[in-house]
Structures are given as C-alpha cells and as structure tokens.
Amino acid sequence: MHTPIAEPTGLGTKCKDESVLANSERAGSLLAKKHYVSHCYERPSFENFPYNLYAMMHAQTPEELDGYIKESVALLDNPEYVVLHSLKELKKTSFRFFA
C-alpha cells in the first residue's frame, strides 16, 4: 500500500464560462489522466463557496504536491481555485458486492 508523505489534497476549482471548466466533464477527464490524481468529481457550488470541480491529489513531498497543483491549474486555463488539505482519513474500505 502506498502511503504518501504529503497529505492527500483536494483541489477545488471554480467554473468560468470562458475556460475549459465551462465543461466540467472535459475538465475532469483532463485531471483524471494525471498519475497523481486518484479521483475527481463535480459538486454543486454555493454562494459563499463557488467551487464545483474537485480532484484528490497525492504526492511524496509538499513541494511535489505544489508542483502538481500548479500543473493542474495551468491545464485548466488558470481558474480560480482553493486547496483543501485532508485533515484525517475517516474510512478506507473496499466495496463488498457479494457476501
């Protein structure tokens, strides 16, 4: 099992009509191709928190993580973004489809 030194980080990005984020499915597809992104997803935005596309990133060092964030932001045409650091892993289990 891979245990990163740097905490997993979520990158939240704000949709802008003139950017690649105008199509969140396309933007998510671009992010999902990166080896450091384990998953990405779209959520509704809110008036005081306008971010709607999230990507979970993993790195070995804080410096490496910073580089991944900068690369991802550039890939998405430099949208407004926020970095959300994981504070605690609450649950990590595999799906059980059949008993």
PDB file of N, CA and C in Angstrom:
ATOM      1  N   MET A   1       0.837  -1.181   0.000  1.00  0.00           N
ATOM      2  CA  MET A   1       0.000   0.000   0.000  1.00  0.00           C
ATOM      3  C   MET A   1       0.879   1.241   0.000  1.00  0.00           C
ATOM      4  N   HIS A   2       0.557   2.188  -0.843  1.00  0.00           N
ATOM      5  CA  HIS A   2       1.309   3.440  -0.963  1.00  0.00           C
ATOM      6  C   HIS A   2       0.837   4.419   0.105  1.00  0.00           C
ATOM      7  N   THR A   3       1.744   4.891   0.927  1.00  0.00           N
ATOM      8  CA  THR A   3       1.419   5.901   1.918  1.00  0.00           C
ATOM      9  C   THR A   3       2.204   7.162   1.595  1.00  0.00           C
ATOM     10  N   PRO A   4       1.534   8.196   1.144  1.00  0.00           N
ATOM     11  CA  PRO A   4       2.247   9.417   0.782  1.00  0.00           C
ATOM     12  C   PRO A   4       2.781  10.146   2.016  1.00  0.00           C
ATOM     13  N   ILE A   5       3.906  10.810   1.846  1.00  0.00           N
ATOM     14  CA  ILE A   5       4.451  11.633   2.921  1.00  0.00           C
ATOM     15  C   ILE A   5       3.609  12.894   3.055  1.00  0.00           C
ATOM     16  N   ALA A   6       3.302  13.517   1.939  1.00  0.00           N
ATOM     17  CA  ALA A   6       2.438  14.697   1.957  1.00  0.00           C
ATOM     18  C   ALA A   6       0.997  14.229   2.062  1.00  0.00           C
ATOM     19  N   GLU A   7       0.203  14.938   2.820  1.00  0.00           N
ATOM     20  CA  GLU A   7      -1.203  14.573   2.966  1.00  0.00           C
ATOM     21  C   GLU A   7      -1.916  14.674   1.628  1.00  0.00           C
ATOM     22  N   PRO A   8      -2.877  13.782   1.369  1.00  0.00           N
ATOM     23  CA  PRO A   8      -3.679  13.943   0.150  1.00  0.00           C
ATOM     24  C   PRO A   8      -4.350  15.313   0.170  1.00  0.00           C
ATOM     25  N   THR A   9      -4.464  15.895  -0.967  1.00  0.00           N
ATOM     26  CA  THR A   9      -5.023  17.233  -1.072  1.00  0.00           C
ATOM     27  C   THR A   9      -6.104  17.270  -2.139  1.00  0.00           C
ATOM     28  N   GLY A  10      -7.172  17.974  -1.837  1.00  0.00           N
ATOM     29  CA  GLY A  10      -8.218  18.190  -2.828  1.00  0.00           C
ATOM     30  C   GLY A  10      -8.062  19.574  -3.420  1.00  0.00           C
ATOM     31  N   LEU A  11      -8.162  19.660  -4.701  1.00  0.00           N
ATOM     32  CA  LEU A  11      -8.095  20.940  -5.399  1.00  0.00           C
ATOM     33  C   LEU A  11      -9.503  21.267  -5.853  1.00  0.00           C
ATOM     34  N   GLY A  12     -10.057  22.347  -5.353  1.00  0.00           N
ATOM     35  CA  GLY A  12     -11.385  22.785  -5.775  1.00  0.00           C
ATOM     36  C   GLY A  12     -11.247  23.922  -6.760  1.00  0.00           C
ATOM     37  N   THR A  13     -11.933  23.827  -7.885  1.00  0.00           N
ATOM     38  CA  THR A  13     -11.843  24.868  -8.901  1.00  0.00           C
ATOM     39  C   THR A  13     -13.211  25.459  -9.198  1.00  0.00           C
ATOM     40  N   LYS A  14     -13.209  26.718  -9.552  1.00  0.00           N
ATOM     41  CA  LYS A  14     -14.443  27.454  -9.837  1.00  0.00           C
ATOM     42  C   LYS A  14     -14.695  27.466 -11.335  1.00  0.00           C
ATOM     43  N   CYS A  15     -15.916  27.203 -11.725  1.00  0.00           N
ATOM     44  CA  CYS A  15     -16.298  27.190 -13.136  1.00  0.00           C
ATOM     45  C   CYS A  15     -16.321  28.606 -13.694  1.00  0.00           C
ATOM     46  N   LYS A  16     -15.686  28.801 -14.833  1.00  0.00           N
ATOM     47  CA  LYS A  16     -15.747  30.065 -15.560  1.00  0.00           C
ATOM     48  C   LYS A  16     -16.159  29.755 -16.985  1.00  0.00           C
ATOM     49  N   ASP A  17     -17.099  30.497 -17.516  1.00  0.00           N
ATOM     50  CA  ASP A  17     -17.618  30.220 -18.851  1.00  0.00           C
ATOM     51  C   ASP A  17     -16.535  30.236 -19.932  1.00  0.00           C
ATOM     52  N   GLU A  18     -15.534  31.088 -19.793  1.00  0.00           N
ATOM     53  CA  GLU A  18     -14.540  31.227 -20.851  1.00  0.00           C
ATOM     54  C   GLU A  18     -13.410  30.207 -20.740  1.00  0.00           C
ATOM     55  N   SER A  19     -13.415  29.370 -19.722  1.00  0.00           N
ATOM     56  CA  SER A  19     -12.320  28.420 -19.527  1.00  0.00           C
ATOM     57  C   SER A  19     -12.748  26.998 -19.854  1.00  0.00           C
ATOM     58  N   VAL A  20     -11.785  26.105 -19.801  1.00  0.00           N
ATOM     59  CA  VAL A  20     -12.055  24.682 -20.003  1.00  0.00           C
ATOM     60  C   VAL A  20     -13.054  24.168 -18.970  1.00  0.00           C
ATOM     61  N   LEU A  21     -13.165  24.851 -17.835  1.00  0.00           N
ATOM     62  CA  LEU A  21     -14.092  24.428 -16.783  1.00  0.00           C
ATOM     63  C   LEU A  21     -15.548  24.654 -17.145  1.00  0.00           C
ATOM     64  N   ALA A  22     -15.804  25.356 -18.237  1.00  0.00           N
ATOM     65  CA  ALA A  22     -17.190  25.517 -18.670  1.00  0.00           C
ATOM     66  C   ALA A  22     -17.792  24.152 -18.961  1.00  0.00           C
ATOM     67  N   ASN A  23     -16.948  23.183 -19.281  1.00  0.00           N
ATOM     68  CA  ASN A  23     -17.378  21.803 -19.465  1.00  0.00           C
ATOM     69  C   ASN A  23     -16.681  20.977 -18.389  1.00  0.00           C
ATOM     70  N   SER A  24     -17.347  20.785 -17.261  1.00  0.00           N
ATOM     71  CA  SER A  24     -16.711  20.106 -16.135  1.00  0.00           C
ATOM     72  C   SER A  24     -16.362  18.657 -16.452  1.00  0.00           C
ATOM     73  N   GLU A  25     -17.111  18.026 -17.347  1.00  0.00           N
ATOM     74  CA  GLU A  25     -16.787  16.649 -17.729  1.00  0.00           C
ATOM     75  C   GLU A  25     -15.445  16.606 -18.465  1.00  0.00           C
ATOM     76  N   ARG A  26     -15.232  17.558 -19.350  1.00  0.00           N
ATOM     77  CA  ARG A  26     -13.949  17.642 -20.074  1.00  0.00           C
ATOM     78  C   ARG A  26     -12.801  17.955 -19.106  1.00  0.00           C
ATOM     79  N   ALA A  27     -13.038  18.903 -18.210  1.00  0.00           N
ATOM     80  CA  ALA A  27     -12.006  19.277 -17.238  1.00  0.00           C
ATOM     81  C   ALA A  27     -11.673  18.098 -16.336  1.00  0.00           C
ATOM     82  N   GLY A  28     -12.703  17.390 -15.869  1.00  0.00           N
ATOM     83  CA  GLY A  28     -12.477  16.214 -15.028  1.00  0.00           C
ATOM     84  C   GLY A  28     -11.711  15.135 -15.755  1.00  0.00           C
ATOM     85  N   SER A  29     -11.999  14.961 -17.033  1.00  0.00           N
ATOM     86  CA  SER A  29     -11.285  13.977 -17.840  1.00  0.00           C
ATOM     87  C   SER A  29      -9.807  14.331 -17.970  1.00  0.00           C
ATOM     88  N   LEU A  30      -9.514  15.611 -18.133  1.00  0.00           N
ATOM     89  CA  LEU A  30      -8.113  16.051 -18.211  1.00  0.00           C
ATOM     90  C   LEU A  30      -7.375  15.772 -16.903  1.00  0.00           C
ATOM     91  N   LEU A  31      -8.017  16.085 -15.791  1.00  0.00           N
ATOM     92  CA  LEU A  31      -7.383  15.850 -14.490  1.00  0.00           C
ATOM     93  C   LEU A  31      -7.213  14.363 -14.202  1.00  0.00           C
ATOM     94  N   ALA A  32      -8.218  13.566 -14.551  1.00  0.00           N
ATOM     95  CA  ALA A  32      -8.197  12.133 -14.247  1.00  0.00           C
ATOM     96  C   ALA A  32      -7.051  11.411 -14.955  1.00  0.00           C
ATOM     97  N   LYS A  33      -6.523  11.977 -16.021  1.00  0.00           N
ATOM     98  CA  LYS A  33      -5.412  11.355 -16.744  1.00  0.00           C
ATOM     99  C   LYS A  33      -4.078  11.519 -16.026  1.00  0.00           C
ATOM    100  N   LYS A  34      -4.017  12.390 -15.042  1.00  0.00           N
ATOM    101  CA  LYS A  34      -2.767  12.637 -14.326  1.00  0.00           C
ATOM    102  C   LYS A  34      -2.503  11.529 -13.305  1.00  0.00           C
ATOM    103  N   HIS A  35      -1.275  11.060 -13.235  1.00  0.00           N
ATOM    104  CA  HIS A  35      -0.952   9.944 -12.337  1.00  0.00           C
ATOM    105  C   HIS A  35      -1.125  10.297 -10.862  1.00  0.00           C
ATOM    106  N   TYR A  36      -1.073  11.538 -10.525  1.00  0.00           N
ATOM    107  CA  TYR A  36      -1.176  11.960  -9.131  1.00  0.00           C
ATOM    108  C   TYR A  36      -2.609  12.217  -8.677  1.00  0.00           C
ATOM    109  N   VAL A  37      -3.579  12.094  -9.572  1.00  0.00           N
ATOM    110  CA  VAL A  37      -4.994  12.287  -9.225  1.00  0.00           C
ATOM    111  C   VAL A  37      -5.643  10.920  -9.046  1.00  0.00           C
ATOM    112  N   SER A  38      -6.135  10.652  -7.842  1.00  0.00           N
ATOM    113  CA  SER A  38      -6.790   9.364  -7.605  1.00  0.00           C
ATOM    114  C   SER A  38      -8.255   9.405  -8.008  1.00  0.00           C
ATOM    115  N   HIS A  39      -8.888  10.550  -7.863  1.00  0.00           N
ATOM    116  CA  HIS A  39     -10.269  10.700  -8.304  1.00  0.00           C
ATOM    117  C   HIS A  39     -10.621  12.186  -8.390  1.00  0.00           C
ATOM    118  N   CYS A  40     -11.605  12.469  -9.223  1.00  0.00           N
ATOM    119  CA  CYS A  40     -12.113  13.833  -9.315  1.00  0.00           C
ATOM    120  C   CYS A  40     -13.621  13.758  -9.508  1.00  0.00           C
ATOM    121  N   TYR A  41     -14.293  14.807  -9.091  1.00  0.00           N
ATOM    122  CA  TYR A  41     -15.751  14.795  -9.117  1.00  0.00           C
ATOM    123  C   TYR A  41     -16.292  16.214  -9.127  1.00  0.00           C
ATOM    124  N   GLU A  42     -17.549  16.310  -9.556  1.00  0.00           N
ATOM    125  CA  GLU A  42     -18.241  17.590  -9.608  1.00  0.00           C
ATOM    126  C   GLU A  42     -19.254  17.646  -8.472  1.00  0.00           C
ATOM    127  N   ARG A  43     -19.357  18.807  -7.859  1.00  0.00           N
ATOM    128  CA  ARG A  43     -20.341  19.056  -6.801  1.00  0.00           C
ATOM    129  C   ARG A  43     -21.016  20.386  -7.073  1.00  0.00           C
ATOM    130  N   PRO A  44     -22.213  20.582  -6.537  1.00  0.00           N
ATOM    131  CA  PRO A  44     -22.845  21.892  -6.713  1.00  0.00           C
ATOM    132  C   PRO A  44     -22.029  22.980  -6.005  1.00  0.00           C
ATOM    133  N   SER A  45     -22.015  24.171  -6.571  1.00  0.00           N
ATOM    134  CA  SER A  45     -21.343  25.292  -5.912  1.00  0.00           C
ATOM    135  C   SER A  45     -22.364  26.031  -5.052  1.00  0.00           C
ATOM    136  N   PHE A  46     -21.859  26.871  -4.157  1.00  0.00           N
ATOM    137  CA  PHE A  46     -22.711  27.638  -3.255  1.00  0.00           C
ATOM    138  C   PHE A  46     -22.303  29.104  -3.319  1.00  0.00           C
ATOM    139  N   GLU A  47     -23.177  29.979  -2.910  1.00  0.00           N
ATOM    140  CA  GLU A  47     -22.925  31.410  -2.993  1.00  0.00           C
ATOM    141  C   GLU A  47     -21.604  31.814  -2.333  1.00  0.00           C
ATOM    142  N   ASN A  48     -21.321  31.300  -1.170  1.00  0.00           N
ATOM    143  CA  ASN A  48     -20.099  31.675  -0.454  1.00  0.00           C
ATOM    144  C   ASN A  48     -18.945  30.699  -0.673  1.00  0.00           C
ATOM    145  N   PHE A  49     -19.187  29.674  -1.499  1.00  0.00           N
ATOM    146  CA  PHE A  49     -18.143  28.696  -1.823  1.00  0.00           C
ATOM    147  C   PHE A  49     -18.391  28.242  -3.252  1.00  0.00           C
ATOM    148  N   PRO A  50     -17.884  29.007  -4.239  1.00  0.00           N
ATOM    149  CA  PRO A  50     -18.267  28.828  -5.638  1.00  0.00           C
ATOM    150  C   PRO A  50     -17.542  27.714  -6.392  1.00  0.00           C
ATOM    151  N   TYR A  51     -16.888  26.810  -5.704  1.00  0.00           N
ATOM    152  CA  TYR A  51     -16.103  25.771  -6.367  1.00  0.00           C
ATOM    153  C   TYR A  51     -16.977  24.566  -6.703  1.00  0.00           C
ATOM    154  N   ASN A  52     -16.771  23.999  -7.893  1.00  0.00           N
ATOM    155  CA  ASN A  52     -17.647  22.904  -8.311  1.00  0.00           C
ATOM    156  C   ASN A  52     -16.922  21.681  -8.861  1.00  0.00           C
ATOM    157  N   LEU A  53     -15.635  21.747  -9.062  1.00  0.00           N
ATOM    158  CA  LEU A  53     -14.884  20.598  -9.562  1.00  0.00           C
ATOM    159  C   LEU A  53     -13.738  20.320  -8.596  1.00  0.00           C
ATOM    160  N   TYR A  54     -13.622  19.061  -8.164  1.00  0.00           N
ATOM    161  CA  TYR A  54     -12.631  18.691  -7.153  1.00  0.00           C
ATOM    162  C   TYR A  54     -11.771  17.544  -7.659  1.00  0.00           C
ATOM    163  N   ALA A  55     -10.500  17.555  -7.272  1.00  0.00           N
ATOM    164  CA  ALA A  55      -9.579  16.479  -7.621  1.00  0.00           C
ATOM    165  C   ALA A  55      -8.761  16.123  -6.389  1.00  0.00           C
ATOM    166  N   MET A  56      -8.667  14.831  -6.082  1.00  0.00           N
ATOM    167  CA  MET A  56      -7.841  14.356  -4.970  1.00  0.00           C
ATOM    168  C   MET A  56      -6.460  14.029  -5.525  1.00  0.00           C
ATOM    169  N   MET A  57      -5.442  14.717  -4.983  1.00  0.00           N
ATOM    170  CA  MET A  57      -4.069  14.556  -5.456  1.00  0.00           C
ATOM    171  C   MET A  57      -3.208  13.949  -4.367  1.00  0.00           C
ATOM    172  N   HIS A  58      -2.166  13.226  -4.790  1.00  0.00           N
ATOM    173  CA  HIS A  58      -1.255  12.570  -3.857  1.00  0.00           C
ATOM    174  C   HIS A  58       0.180  12.835  -4.290  1.00  0.00           C
ATOM    175  N   ALA A  59       1.056  13.076  -3.307  1.00  0.00           N
ATOM    176  CA  ALA A  59       2.456  13.359  -3.603  1.00  0.00           C
ATOM    177  C   ALA A  59       3.335  12.840  -2.471  1.00  0.00           C
ATOM    178  N   GLN A  60       4.626  12.751  -2.737  1.00  0.00           N
ATOM    179  CA  GLN A  60       5.585  12.291  -1.731  1.00  0.00           C
ATOM    180  C   GLN A  60       6.076  13.422  -0.829  1.00  0.00           C
ATOM    181  N   THR A  61       6.065  14.650  -1.330  1.00  0.00           N
ATOM    182  CA  THR A  61       6.545  15.793  -0.549  1.00  0.00           C
ATOM    183  C   THR A  61       5.609  16.978  -0.773  1.00  0.00           C
ATOM    184  N   PRO A  62       5.605  17.935   0.137  1.00  0.00           N
ATOM    185  CA  PRO A  62       4.812  19.148  -0.082  1.00  0.00           C
ATOM    186  C   PRO A  62       5.220  19.899  -1.357  1.00  0.00           C
ATOM    187  N   GLU A  63       6.515  19.889  -1.684  1.00  0.00           N
ATOM    188  CA  GLU A  63       6.996  20.572  -2.879  1.00  0.00           C
ATOM    189  C   GLU A  63       6.464  19.891  -4.148  1.00  0.00           C
ATOM    190  N   GLU A  64       6.457  18.565  -4.132  1.00  0.00           N
ATOM    191  CA  GLU A  64       5.922  17.824  -5.277  1.00  0.00           C
ATOM    192  C   GLU A  64       4.431  18.112  -5.440  1.00  0.00           C
ATOM    193  N   LEU A  65       3.724  18.150  -4.335  1.00  0.00           N
ATOM    194  CA  LEU A  65       2.295  18.446  -4.362  1.00  0.00           C
ATOM    195  C   LEU A  65       2.044  19.843  -4.922  1.00  0.00           C
ATOM    196  N   ASP A  66       2.843  20.810  -4.514  1.00  0.00           N
ATOM    197  CA  ASP A  66       2.711  22.171  -5.023  1.00  0.00           C
ATOM    198  C   ASP A  66       2.901  22.198  -6.537  1.00  0.00           C
ATOM    199  N   GLY A  67       3.860  21.430  -7.029  1.00  0.00           N
ATOM    200  CA  GLY A  67       4.079  21.344  -8.471  1.00  0.00           C
ATOM    201  C   GLY A  67       2.885  20.741  -9.192  1.00  0.00           C
ATOM    202  N   TYR A  68       2.290  19.700  -8.618  1.00  0.00           N
ATOM    203  CA  TYR A  68       1.106  19.074  -9.220  1.00  0.00           C
ATOM    204  C   TYR A  68      -0.068  20.040  -9.259  1.00  0.00           C
ATOM    205  N   ILE A  69      -0.234  20.812  -8.203  1.00  0.00           N
ATOM    206  CA  ILE A  69      -1.324  21.789  -8.160  1.00  0.00           C
ATOM    207  C   ILE A  69      -1.126  22.835  -9.246  1.00  0.00           C
ATOM    208  N   LYS A  70       0.086  23.365  -9.357  1.00  0.00           N
ATOM    209  CA  LYS A  70       0.372  24.375 -10.381  1.00  0.00           C
ATOM    210  C   LYS A  70       0.165  23.813 -11.782  1.00  0.00           C
ATOM    211  N   GLU A  71       0.588  22.569 -12.009  1.00  0.00           N
ATOM    212  CA  GLU A  71       0.407  21.931 -13.320  1.00  0.00           C
ATOM    213  C   GLU A  71      -1.079  21.780 -13.638  1.00  0.00           C
ATOM    214  N   SER A  72      -1.861  21.363 -12.658  1.00  0.00           N
ATOM    215  CA  SER A  72      -3.296  21.155 -12.865  1.00  0.00           C
ATOM    216  C   SER A  72      -4.022  22.457 -13.127  1.00  0.00           C
ATOM    217  N   VAL A  73      -3.676  23.477 -12.395  1.00  0.00           N
ATOM    218  CA  VAL A  73      -4.310  24.790 -12.585  1.00  0.00           C
ATOM    219  C   VAL A  73      -3.992  25.319 -13.984  1.00  0.00           C
ATOM    220  N   ALA A  74      -2.759  25.165 -14.431  1.00  0.00           N
ATOM    221  CA  ALA A  74      -2.388  25.609 -15.778  1.00  0.00           C
ATOM    222  C   ALA A  74      -3.139  24.797 -16.836  1.00  0.00           C
ATOM    223  N   LEU A  75      -3.295  23.499 -16.610  1.00  0.00           N
ATOM    224  CA  LEU A  75      -4.015  22.628 -17.538  1.00  0.00           C
ATOM    225  C   LEU A  75      -5.461  23.078 -17.726  1.00  0.00           C
ATOM    226  N   LEU A  76      -6.044  23.651 -16.675  1.00  0.00           N
ATOM    227  CA  LEU A  76      -7.438  24.090 -16.706  1.00  0.00           C
ATOM    228  C   LEU A  76      -7.581  25.580 -17.003  1.00  0.00           C
ATOM    229  N   ASP A  77      -6.583  26.164 -17.630  1.00  0.00           N
ATOM    230  CA  ASP A  77      -6.606  27.575 -18.025  1.00  0.00           C
ATOM    231  C   ASP A  77      -6.626  28.532 -16.833  1.00  0.00           C
ATOM    232  N   ASN A  78      -5.951  28.175 -15.769  1.00  0.00           N
ATOM    233  CA  ASN A  78      -5.760  29.037 -14.605  1.00  0.00           C
ATOM    234  C   ASN A  78      -7.051  29.555 -13.977  1.00  0.00           C
ATOM    235  N   PRO A  79      -7.945  28.645 -13.583  1.00  0.00           N
ATOM    236  CA  PRO A  79      -9.188  29.092 -12.934  1.00  0.00           C
ATOM    237  C   PRO A  79      -8.926  29.542 -11.502  1.00  0.00           C
ATOM    238  N   GLU A  80      -9.905  30.210 -10.938  1.00  0.00           N
ATOM    239  CA  GLU A  80      -9.859  30.494  -9.504  1.00  0.00           C
ATOM    240  C   GLU A  80      -9.936  29.144  -8.798  1.00  0.00           C
ATOM    241  N   TYR A  81      -9.109  28.934  -7.777  1.00  0.00           N
ATOM    242  CA  TYR A  81      -9.105  27.642  -7.107  1.00  0.00           C
ATOM    243  C   TYR A  81      -8.790  27.789  -5.631  1.00  0.00           C
ATOM    244  N   VAL A  82      -9.029  26.717  -4.905  1.00  0.00           N
ATOM    245  CA  VAL A  82      -8.698  26.638  -3.493  1.00  0.00           C
ATOM    246  C   VAL A  82      -8.113  25.259  -3.242  1.00  0.00           C
ATOM    247  N   VAL A  83      -7.138  25.189  -2.353  1.00  0.00           N
ATOM    248  CA  VAL A  83      -6.537  23.909  -1.984  1.00  0.00           C
ATOM    249  C   VAL A  83      -7.124  23.482  -0.642  1.00  0.00           C
ATOM    250  N   LEU A  84      -7.684  22.296  -0.623  1.00  0.00           N
ATOM    251  CA  LEU A  84      -8.305  21.757   0.583  1.00  0.00           C
ATOM    252  C   LEU A  84      -7.464  20.580   1.064  1.00  0.00           C
ATOM    253  N   HIS A  85      -6.760  20.751   2.161  1.00  0.00           N
ATOM    254  CA  HIS A  85      -5.901  19.691   2.683  1.00  0.00           C
ATOM    255  C   HIS A  85      -6.710  18.716   3.532  1.00  0.00           C
ATOM    256  N   SER A  86      -6.422  17.440   3.376  1.00  0.00           N
ATOM    257  CA  SER A  86      -7.074  16.420   4.198  1.00  0.00           C
ATOM    258  C   SER A  86      -6.577  16.549   5.632  1.00  0.00           C
ATOM    259  N   LEU A  87      -7.497  16.520   6.561  1.00  0.00           N
ATOM    260  CA  LEU A  87      -7.134  16.595   7.973  1.00  0.00           C
ATOM    261  C   LEU A  87      -7.046  15.213   8.598  1.00  0.00           C
ATOM    262  N   LYS A  88      -7.913  14.303   8.132  1.00  0.00           N
ATOM    263  CA  LYS A  88      -7.975  12.984   8.739  1.00  0.00           C
ATOM    264  C   LYS A  88      -8.633  12.020   7.769  1.00  0.00           C
ATOM    265  N   GLU A  89      -8.131  10.791   7.712  1.00  0.00           N
ATOM    266  CA  GLU A  89      -8.774   9.768   6.902  1.00  0.00           C
ATOM    267  C   GLU A  89      -9.799   9.081   7.793  1.00  0.00           C
ATOM    268  N   LEU A  90     -11.063   9.228   7.429  1.00  0.00           N
ATOM    269  CA  LEU A  90     -12.128   8.703   8.275  1.00  0.00           C
ATOM    270  C   LEU A  90     -12.437   7.242   8.004  1.00  0.00           C
ATOM    271  N   LYS A  91     -12.377   6.822   6.754  1.00  0.00           N
ATOM    272  CA  LYS A  91     -12.731   5.455   6.429  1.00  0.00           C
ATOM    273  C   LYS A  91     -12.047   5.053   5.134  1.00  0.00           C
ATOM    274  N   LYS A  92     -11.484   3.871   5.119  1.00  0.00           N
ATOM    275  CA  LYS A  92     -10.875   3.367   3.900  1.00  0.00           C
ATOM    276  C   LYS A  92     -11.160   1.872   3.838  1.00  0.00           C
ATOM    277  N   THR A  93     -12.164   1.525   3.060  1.00  0.00           N
ATOM    278  CA  THR A  93     -12.528   0.121   2.907  1.00  0.00           C
ATOM    279  C   THR A  93     -12.818  -0.164   1.441  1.00  0.00           C
ATOM    280  N   SER A  94     -12.784  -1.418   1.099  1.00  0.00           N
ATOM    281  CA  SER A  94     -13.120  -1.830  -0.253  1.00  0.00           C
ATOM    282  C   SER A  94     -14.605  -2.153  -0.332  1.00  0.00           C
ATOM    283  N   PHE A  95     -15.150  -2.042  -1.525  1.00  0.00           N
ATOM    284  CA  PHE A  95     -16.545  -2.403  -1.728  1.00  0.00           C
ATOM    285  C   PHE A  95     -16.702  -3.907  -1.594  1.00  0.00           C
ATOM    286  N   ARG A  96     -17.812  -4.338  -1.034  1.00  0.00           N
ATOM    287  CA  ARG A  96     -18.157  -5.743  -0.966  1.00  0.00           C
ATOM    288  C   ARG A  96     -19.470  -5.907  -1.735  1.00  0.00           C
ATOM    289  N   PHE A  97     -19.363  -6.519  -2.909  1.00  0.00           N
ATOM    290  CA  PHE A  97     -20.540  -6.652  -3.756  1.00  0.00           C
ATOM    291  C   PHE A  97     -21.357  -7.901  -3.439  1.00  0.00           C
ATOM    292  N   PHE A  98     -20.687  -8.961  -3.000  1.00  0.00           N
ATOM    293  CA  PHE A  98     -21.365 -10.222  -2.697  1.00  0.00           C
ATOM    294  C   PHE A  98     -20.866 -10.758  -1.362  1.00  0.00           C
ATOM    295  N   ALA A  99     -21.750 -11.314  -0.601  1.00  0.00           N
ATOM    296  CA  ALA A  99     -21.368 -11.862   0.717  1.00  0.00           C
ATOM    297  C   ALA A  99     -20.885 -13.291   0.566  1.00  0.00           C
TER     298      ALA A  99
END
